[in-house]
Amino acid sequence: MTVAVAILSGTLVLQPAQPAANARLTGRVVAAGTQTPIEGAQVTLIPIRRGNPTGATPSFPPGPPPQRTTDADGTFAFEHVIPGEYRVNVTKVGFVPDSIAASGMPQRPPIQLAGGQQLDLGDIALARGGVIAGRVLDPSGDPVGNARVVALRHLPQGTSTNLAFAPAGPSAQTNDLGEFRVFGLASGEYIVAASLSGINAASTAKTVLTTTYFPSTPDQNSATTVTVTAPDAVNGLEIRLASVPAFRVTGVVVDANGAPVAGAMIMLMPASRLPVIMGPTGNIRSGPNGGFVVGGVPAGTYRAQASPMIPNGRGGVSFSFSSAPGMPQGSEVVVTDADVSGVRIVIQAR
């Protein structure tokens, strides 16, 4: 046990060492340019590394990172913060998130909190974001509801990813008139993509509506750039979803011994998650002999995964798609201009 030595009336007294006191963090969120306090902003304190002089790496307490909501004066306070390194993220609907570098406003660096420290961050300025608005239509010109629309921004060269674009700000969903409004965008150039969620895996249709970039192309490299000058809005965009050939992917699900697995859930996901915004295909189950058929698949590269049925102890079943090291990662499926057969997915017994 670590002890501290004190001298009382000439006598040595051994006392347990006291743990380092926790820290306190405060600040205020204001509107850039006007310094007007912003009420209702969400401030999240994200732990990066816990302070520890021994060099060990203890974990933070379990659960989500602490969050505070600013008051009418735009102020917030985090009490009893464990010493360590943190990143502060600030968001408010209609404003550019503090974690995204806006024009003339560099991204806020991490902060280091020592035991017993009381740190005031002062004013954190949020810039009101720009808007991209318009409509999504089908090939016949009818409005498409429940389509997902996202603004993508070009990633700088040297970014640690093989992707050219990444989502900037929240996505939007079209209403019954096909209308969308993507907000909270920093000034800059964007390409805008629209897609219906996922693939209708039970489809037997020969064509499918695919991810489409403004103005109306399935080819990301042919997309037209949209320039946003925050806080102004760019209105009147029209994206007509492209119809492309659809194919079928067939195969079998087996266990590590090569035996067919019946009733497994199949998931087909784009091999590159971004900037493709199409969701995964689920709800297709393998048959008694482990076989499966996924329809409505446009050309592209996918990762096919499967999960066996897992009894939940209440008479039902659940499924789990693990990406843990050592677990099978599924099979790559490349769809070009024809149906794909013979896909073999190996899953681990549970």
Protein backbone atom coordinates (compact mmCIF):
# COMPACT_ATOMS: atom_id res chain seq x y z
CA MET A 1 0.00 0.00 0.00
CA THR A 2 1.31 3.48 -0.83
CA VAL A 3 1.63 5.65 2.27
CA ALA A 4 2.38 9.25 3.17
CA VAL A 5 4.54 10.23 6.16
CA ALA A 6 3.43 12.94 8.61
CA ILE A 7 5.16 14.15 11.80
CA LEU A 8 2.87 14.86 14.77
CA SER A 9 4.49 15.86 18.09
CA GLY A 10 7.73 14.16 17.07
CA THR A 11 5.95 10.91 16.18
CA LEU A 12 5.94 9.40 12.69
CA VAL A 13 2.38 8.67 11.52
CA LEU A 14 1.72 6.59 8.39
CA GLN A 15 -1.32 7.74 6.39
CA PRO A 16 -2.81 6.24 3.22
CA ALA A 17 -2.09 8.35 0.13
CA GLN A 18 -5.17 10.25 -1.00
CA PRO A 19 -6.40 9.70 -4.58
CA ALA A 20 -6.05 12.61 -6.99
CA ALA A 21 -9.06 14.91 -6.90
CA ASN A 22 -11.35 15.03 -9.89
CA ALA A 23 -11.48 18.01 -12.23
CA ARG A 24 -14.18 20.51 -13.21
CA LEU A 25 -14.80 21.77 -16.75
CA THR A 26 -16.98 24.73 -17.72
CA GLY A 27 -17.65 26.86 -20.77
CA ARG A 28 -20.18 28.79 -22.81
CA VAL A 29 -21.58 28.15 -26.31
CA VAL A 30 -22.28 31.20 -28.46
CA ALA A 31 -23.22 31.98 -32.06
CA ALA A 32 -20.23 32.89 -34.19
CA GLY A 33 -20.15 36.55 -35.17
CA THR A 34 -22.83 37.75 -32.75
CA GLN A 35 -21.63 36.06 -29.52
CA THR A 36 -25.29 35.42 -28.68
CA PRO A 37 -25.64 32.59 -26.13
CA ILE A 38 -26.99 29.34 -27.59
CA GLU A 39 -29.45 27.54 -25.37
CA GLY A 40 -30.06 23.80 -25.81
CA ALA A 41 -26.69 22.94 -27.40
CA GLN A 42 -25.46 19.41 -26.63
CA VAL A 43 -21.93 19.30 -25.17
CA THR A 44 -20.29 15.86 -25.03
CA LEU A 45 -17.07 15.09 -23.16
CA ILE A 46 -15.38 12.22 -25.02
CA PRO A 47 -12.52 10.47 -23.13
CA ILE A 48 -9.36 9.83 -25.13
CA ARG A 49 -6.87 8.77 -22.46
CA ARG A 50 -7.11 8.58 -18.70
CA GLY A 51 -4.31 10.27 -16.78
CA ASN A 52 -2.01 7.76 -15.07
CA PRO A 53 1.58 8.48 -13.99
CA THR A 54 2.49 4.78 -13.95
CA GLY A 55 2.00 4.51 -17.71
CA ALA A 56 -0.72 1.87 -17.41
CA THR A 57 -3.88 2.20 -19.46
CA PRO A 58 -6.90 1.79 -17.17
CA SER A 59 -10.31 2.07 -18.72
CA PHE A 60 -12.90 4.78 -18.13
CA PRO A 61 -16.14 3.91 -16.36
CA PRO A 62 -18.54 1.99 -18.63
CA GLY A 63 -21.43 3.70 -20.36
CA PRO A 64 -21.85 6.59 -22.78
CA PRO A 65 -19.65 9.69 -22.44
CA PRO A 66 -21.10 12.43 -20.21
CA GLN A 67 -23.25 15.05 -21.92
CA ARG A 68 -24.61 18.42 -20.83
CA THR A 69 -27.22 20.78 -22.32
CA THR A 70 -26.47 24.49 -22.28
CA ASP A 71 -28.77 26.77 -20.29
CA ALA A 72 -30.33 30.10 -21.31
CA ASP A 73 -26.92 31.79 -20.90
CA GLY A 74 -25.26 29.16 -23.11
CA THR A 75 -23.22 27.82 -20.18
CA PHE A 76 -22.43 24.23 -19.21
CA ALA A 77 -20.45 22.50 -16.47
CA PHE A 78 -18.98 19.02 -15.98
CA GLU A 79 -18.33 18.17 -12.33
CA HIS A 80 -16.13 15.41 -10.87
CA VAL A 81 -14.30 14.66 -14.12
CA ILE A 82 -11.67 11.91 -13.95
CA PRO A 83 -8.24 13.37 -14.83
CA GLY A 84 -7.19 12.58 -18.38
CA GLU A 85 -7.33 13.71 -22.00
CA TYR A 86 -10.68 14.55 -23.56
CA ARG A 87 -12.27 15.92 -26.69
CA VAL A 88 -15.22 18.29 -26.39
CA ASN A 89 -17.91 18.00 -29.09
CA VAL A 90 -20.65 20.62 -29.34
CA THR A 91 -23.75 20.27 -31.53
CA LYS A 92 -26.94 22.23 -32.09
CA VAL A 93 -29.53 21.73 -34.82
CA GLY A 94 -28.96 24.22 -37.61
CA PHE A 95 -25.33 24.90 -36.67
CA VAL A 96 -22.11 23.37 -37.95
CA PRO A 97 -20.95 20.81 -35.33
CA ASP A 98 -17.90 21.95 -33.37
CA SER A 99 -16.15 18.71 -34.44
CA ILE A 100 -16.26 19.81 -38.10
CA ALA A 101 -13.82 22.51 -39.12
CA ALA A 102 -15.77 25.44 -40.54
CA SER A 103 -14.31 28.27 -42.60
CA GLY A 104 -12.01 30.30 -40.35
CA MET A 105 -12.81 28.09 -37.34
CA PRO A 106 -10.21 25.34 -36.76
CA GLN A 107 -11.28 22.13 -35.11
CA ARG A 108 -10.98 22.29 -31.32
CA PRO A 109 -7.93 20.34 -30.07
CA PRO A 110 -8.12 17.82 -27.21
CA ILE A 111 -7.82 19.08 -23.64
CA GLN A 112 -5.83 17.67 -20.73
CA LEU A 113 -7.43 17.75 -17.26
CA ALA A 114 -5.31 17.28 -14.15
CA GLY A 115 -6.52 16.21 -10.74
CA GLY A 116 -8.23 19.07 -8.91
CA GLN A 117 -8.04 21.38 -11.93
CA GLN A 118 -10.87 23.81 -12.68
CA LEU A 119 -10.75 24.65 -16.37
CA ASP A 120 -12.98 27.20 -18.10
CA LEU A 121 -12.97 26.83 -21.89
CA GLY A 122 -14.48 30.28 -22.33
CA ASP A 123 -16.68 30.88 -25.39
CA ILE A 124 -17.12 28.08 -27.92
CA ALA A 125 -18.46 29.61 -31.14
CA LEU A 126 -20.78 27.65 -33.42
CA ALA A 127 -21.36 28.87 -36.96
CA ARG A 128 -24.86 28.65 -38.36
CA GLY A 129 -24.79 26.08 -41.14
CA GLY A 130 -25.85 26.23 -44.74
CA VAL A 131 -28.63 24.19 -46.35
CA ILE A 132 -29.09 22.04 -49.44
CA ALA A 133 -32.75 21.42 -50.29
CA GLY A 134 -34.64 19.85 -53.14
CA ARG A 135 -36.65 16.80 -54.26
CA VAL A 136 -36.03 13.15 -55.10
CA LEU A 137 -38.00 11.66 -58.00
CA ASP A 138 -38.25 8.24 -59.62
CA PRO A 139 -37.39 7.70 -63.32
CA SER A 140 -40.99 8.63 -64.26
CA GLY A 141 -40.81 11.93 -62.39
CA ASP A 142 -43.00 10.90 -59.45
CA PRO A 143 -41.87 11.90 -55.93
CA VAL A 144 -40.00 9.32 -53.85
CA GLY A 145 -40.76 9.30 -50.14
CA ASN A 146 -38.53 7.87 -47.41
CA ALA A 147 -35.39 8.21 -49.52
CA ARG A 148 -32.19 9.03 -47.67
CA VAL A 149 -30.22 12.06 -48.86
CA VAL A 150 -26.69 12.91 -47.73
CA ALA A 151 -24.18 15.62 -48.59
CA LEU A 152 -20.68 14.24 -49.20
CA ARG A 153 -17.51 16.26 -48.92
CA HIS A 154 -14.21 15.56 -50.64
CA LEU A 155 -11.57 14.20 -48.28
CA PRO A 156 -8.13 15.87 -48.45
CA GLN A 157 -5.28 13.90 -49.98
CA GLY A 158 -3.33 11.96 -47.39
CA THR A 159 -6.41 11.11 -45.32
CA SER A 160 -6.05 7.65 -43.74
CA THR A 161 -8.78 6.06 -45.86
CA ASN A 162 -9.20 4.88 -49.42
CA LEU A 163 -12.41 6.88 -49.77
CA ALA A 164 -12.65 10.04 -51.83
CA PHE A 165 -15.74 11.42 -50.06
CA ALA A 166 -17.33 11.20 -46.62
CA PRO A 167 -20.70 12.38 -45.22
CA ALA A 168 -20.74 15.95 -43.91
CA GLY A 169 -23.44 16.61 -41.34
CA PRO A 170 -26.66 14.68 -40.77
CA SER A 171 -28.54 12.99 -43.58
CA ALA A 172 -32.15 13.84 -44.45
CA GLN A 173 -35.18 11.76 -45.34
CA THR A 174 -37.65 12.77 -48.01
CA ASN A 175 -41.30 13.38 -47.18
CA ASP A 176 -44.33 12.24 -49.18
CA LEU A 177 -43.62 14.95 -51.77
CA GLY A 178 -40.06 13.74 -52.21
CA GLU A 179 -38.74 16.90 -50.52
CA PHE A 180 -35.51 16.93 -48.51
CA ARG A 181 -33.52 19.49 -46.53
CA VAL A 182 -29.92 18.77 -45.46
CA PHE A 183 -28.83 21.40 -42.92
CA GLY A 184 -25.93 22.31 -40.64
CA LEU A 185 -23.37 22.35 -43.47
CA ALA A 186 -20.12 24.29 -43.36
CA SER A 187 -19.23 26.44 -46.35
CA GLY A 188 -17.67 24.37 -49.10
CA GLU A 189 -18.29 22.09 -52.05
CA TYR A 190 -20.41 18.95 -51.81
CA ILE A 191 -21.83 16.17 -53.92
CA VAL A 192 -25.34 15.08 -52.97
CA ALA A 193 -26.47 11.44 -53.02
CA ALA A 194 -29.92 9.90 -52.63
CA SER A 195 -30.86 6.27 -52.08
CA LEU A 196 -33.63 4.03 -50.91
CA SER A 197 -32.67 2.09 -47.80
CA GLY A 198 -31.28 -1.35 -48.47
CA ILE A 199 -32.11 -3.92 -51.12
CA ASN A 200 -35.38 -5.75 -51.51
CA ALA A 201 -33.70 -9.11 -51.19
CA ALA A 202 -36.84 -11.02 -52.21
CA SER A 203 -37.18 -9.04 -55.45
CA THR A 204 -37.28 -10.81 -58.79
CA ALA A 205 -37.23 -7.56 -60.78
CA LYS A 206 -34.63 -7.11 -63.49
CA THR A 207 -33.96 -3.48 -62.55
CA VAL A 208 -33.55 -1.59 -59.28
CA LEU A 209 -33.33 2.04 -58.18
CA THR A 210 -29.77 2.63 -57.02
CA THR A 211 -27.75 5.26 -55.16
CA THR A 212 -27.87 8.35 -57.38
CA TYR A 213 -25.77 11.51 -57.28
CA PHE A 214 -26.97 14.99 -58.23
CA PRO A 215 -28.12 15.70 -60.82
CA SER A 216 -29.11 12.12 -61.80
CA THR A 217 -26.15 9.80 -62.20
CA PRO A 218 -25.20 6.52 -60.50
CA ASP A 219 -21.52 7.35 -61.17
CA GLN A 220 -19.98 9.31 -58.32
CA ASN A 221 -17.27 10.65 -60.62
CA SER A 222 -19.94 12.25 -62.83
CA ALA A 223 -21.69 14.05 -59.98
CA THR A 224 -22.14 17.83 -60.18
CA THR A 225 -20.61 19.78 -57.29
CA VAL A 226 -22.92 21.94 -55.14
CA THR A 227 -21.31 25.00 -53.53
CA VAL A 228 -22.65 26.03 -50.10
CA THR A 229 -22.00 29.43 -48.55
CA ALA A 230 -23.17 29.20 -44.94
CA PRO A 231 -25.64 30.23 -43.63
CA ASP A 232 -27.36 30.53 -47.03
CA ALA A 233 -29.50 27.79 -48.57
CA VAL A 234 -29.12 26.15 -51.96
CA ASN A 235 -32.66 25.31 -53.07
CA GLY A 236 -34.29 23.56 -55.97
CA LEU A 237 -32.04 20.54 -56.43
CA GLU A 238 -33.72 17.66 -58.25
CA ILE A 239 -32.35 14.12 -58.09
CA ARG A 240 -34.00 11.57 -60.34
CA LEU A 241 -33.07 8.11 -59.09
CA ALA A 242 -31.29 5.99 -61.68
CA SER A 243 -32.62 2.58 -62.63
CA VAL A 244 -29.89 -0.02 -63.16
CA PRO A 245 -29.87 -3.77 -63.92
CA ALA A 246 -30.47 -6.01 -60.92
CA PHE A 247 -28.99 -9.47 -60.40
CA ARG A 248 -29.29 -12.45 -58.07
CA VAL A 249 -26.68 -13.79 -55.67
CA THR A 250 -27.05 -17.45 -54.71
CA GLY A 251 -24.98 -19.65 -52.46
CA VAL A 252 -24.85 -21.81 -49.36
CA VAL A 253 -24.16 -21.26 -45.65
CA VAL A 254 -22.00 -23.91 -43.96
CA ASP A 255 -20.33 -24.38 -40.59
CA ALA A 256 -16.61 -24.87 -39.96
CA ASN A 257 -16.97 -28.57 -40.82
CA GLY A 258 -18.66 -27.87 -44.13
CA ALA A 259 -22.13 -28.97 -43.00
CA PRO A 260 -25.05 -26.83 -44.30
CA VAL A 261 -26.63 -24.41 -41.79
CA ALA A 262 -30.40 -24.01 -42.09
CA GLY A 263 -32.25 -20.90 -40.94
CA ALA A 264 -29.19 -18.63 -40.90
CA MET A 265 -29.72 -14.90 -41.51
CA ILE A 266 -27.91 -13.54 -44.57
CA MET A 267 -26.46 -10.01 -44.73
CA LEU A 268 -25.07 -8.49 -47.93
CA MET A 269 -23.23 -5.20 -47.42
CA PRO A 270 -21.27 -2.94 -49.77
CA ALA A 271 -17.57 -3.71 -49.35
CA SER A 272 -16.90 0.03 -49.02
CA ARG A 273 -19.35 1.49 -46.49
CA LEU A 274 -18.77 5.04 -47.67
CA PRO A 275 -19.79 6.93 -49.63
CA VAL A 276 -22.30 4.25 -50.68
CA ILE A 277 -25.34 4.94 -48.52
CA MET A 278 -27.28 1.81 -49.30
CA GLY A 279 -27.96 -0.21 -46.18
CA PRO A 280 -27.35 -3.91 -45.63
CA THR A 281 -29.65 -6.65 -46.87
CA GLY A 282 -31.15 -8.83 -44.18
CA ASN A 283 -34.26 -10.91 -43.61
CA ILE A 284 -33.15 -13.58 -46.07
CA ARG A 285 -32.84 -16.95 -44.37
CA SER A 286 -30.98 -20.00 -45.58
CA GLY A 287 -33.10 -23.01 -46.53
CA PRO A 288 -33.00 -26.56 -45.13
CA ASN A 289 -29.88 -27.33 -47.19
CA GLY A 290 -28.20 -24.03 -46.26
CA GLY A 291 -28.96 -22.48 -49.63
CA PHE A 292 -29.97 -18.83 -50.12
CA VAL A 293 -30.97 -16.42 -52.88
CA VAL A 294 -30.62 -12.63 -52.66
CA GLY A 295 -32.35 -10.68 -55.42
CA GLY A 296 -32.39 -7.04 -56.49
CA VAL A 297 -28.60 -6.61 -56.28
CA PRO A 298 -27.04 -3.88 -58.47
CA ALA A 299 -23.48 -4.19 -59.79
CA GLY A 300 -20.82 -3.67 -57.15
CA THR A 301 -18.54 -5.35 -54.63
CA TYR A 302 -20.17 -6.76 -51.49
CA ARG A 303 -19.36 -8.66 -48.34
CA ALA A 304 -21.72 -11.59 -47.67
CA GLN A 305 -22.09 -12.61 -44.02
CA ALA A 306 -24.38 -14.96 -42.16
CA SER A 307 -25.39 -15.63 -38.58
CA PRO A 308 -26.94 -18.81 -37.18
CA MET A 309 -30.05 -18.72 -35.02
CA ILE A 310 -29.20 -18.04 -31.36
CA PRO A 311 -31.91 -19.11 -28.85
CA ASN A 312 -32.66 -16.24 -26.47
CA GLY A 313 -34.05 -18.40 -23.66
CA ARG A 314 -37.57 -17.01 -24.07
CA GLY A 315 -38.67 -19.24 -26.90
CA GLY A 316 -37.34 -16.90 -29.59
CA VAL A 317 -34.11 -16.49 -31.50
CA SER A 318 -31.67 -13.69 -32.30
CA PHE A 319 -28.78 -13.19 -34.71
CA SER A 320 -25.30 -11.71 -34.27
CA PHE A 321 -22.88 -10.59 -36.97
CA SER A 322 -19.49 -10.54 -35.27
CA SER A 323 -16.42 -8.75 -36.59
CA ALA A 324 -14.16 -9.90 -33.76
CA PRO A 325 -10.61 -11.03 -34.60
CA GLY A 326 -10.45 -14.71 -35.51
CA MET A 327 -14.09 -14.86 -36.56
CA PRO A 328 -15.02 -15.56 -40.20
CA GLN A 329 -15.41 -12.25 -42.03
CA GLY A 330 -17.75 -13.49 -44.74
CA SER A 331 -17.19 -13.85 -48.45
CA GLU A 332 -16.47 -11.20 -51.06
CA VAL A 333 -19.08 -11.06 -53.82
CA VAL A 334 -18.38 -9.13 -57.02
CA VAL A 335 -21.45 -8.44 -59.18
CA THR A 336 -20.73 -7.13 -62.67
CA ASP A 337 -23.23 -7.85 -65.44
CA ALA A 338 -24.70 -11.26 -64.55
CA ASP A 339 -26.11 -13.32 -61.69
CA VAL A 340 -23.55 -14.69 -59.22
CA SER A 341 -23.77 -18.26 -57.97
CA GLY A 342 -21.67 -20.58 -55.85
CA VAL A 343 -21.12 -18.15 -52.97
CA ARG A 344 -20.01 -20.06 -49.87
CA ILE A 345 -20.34 -18.42 -46.46
CA VAL A 346 -18.63 -20.16 -43.52
CA ILE A 347 -19.91 -19.33 -40.06
CA GLN A 348 -18.66 -20.29 -36.62
CA ALA A 349 -20.82 -22.50 -34.42
CA ARG A 350 -22.17 -20.71 -31.34
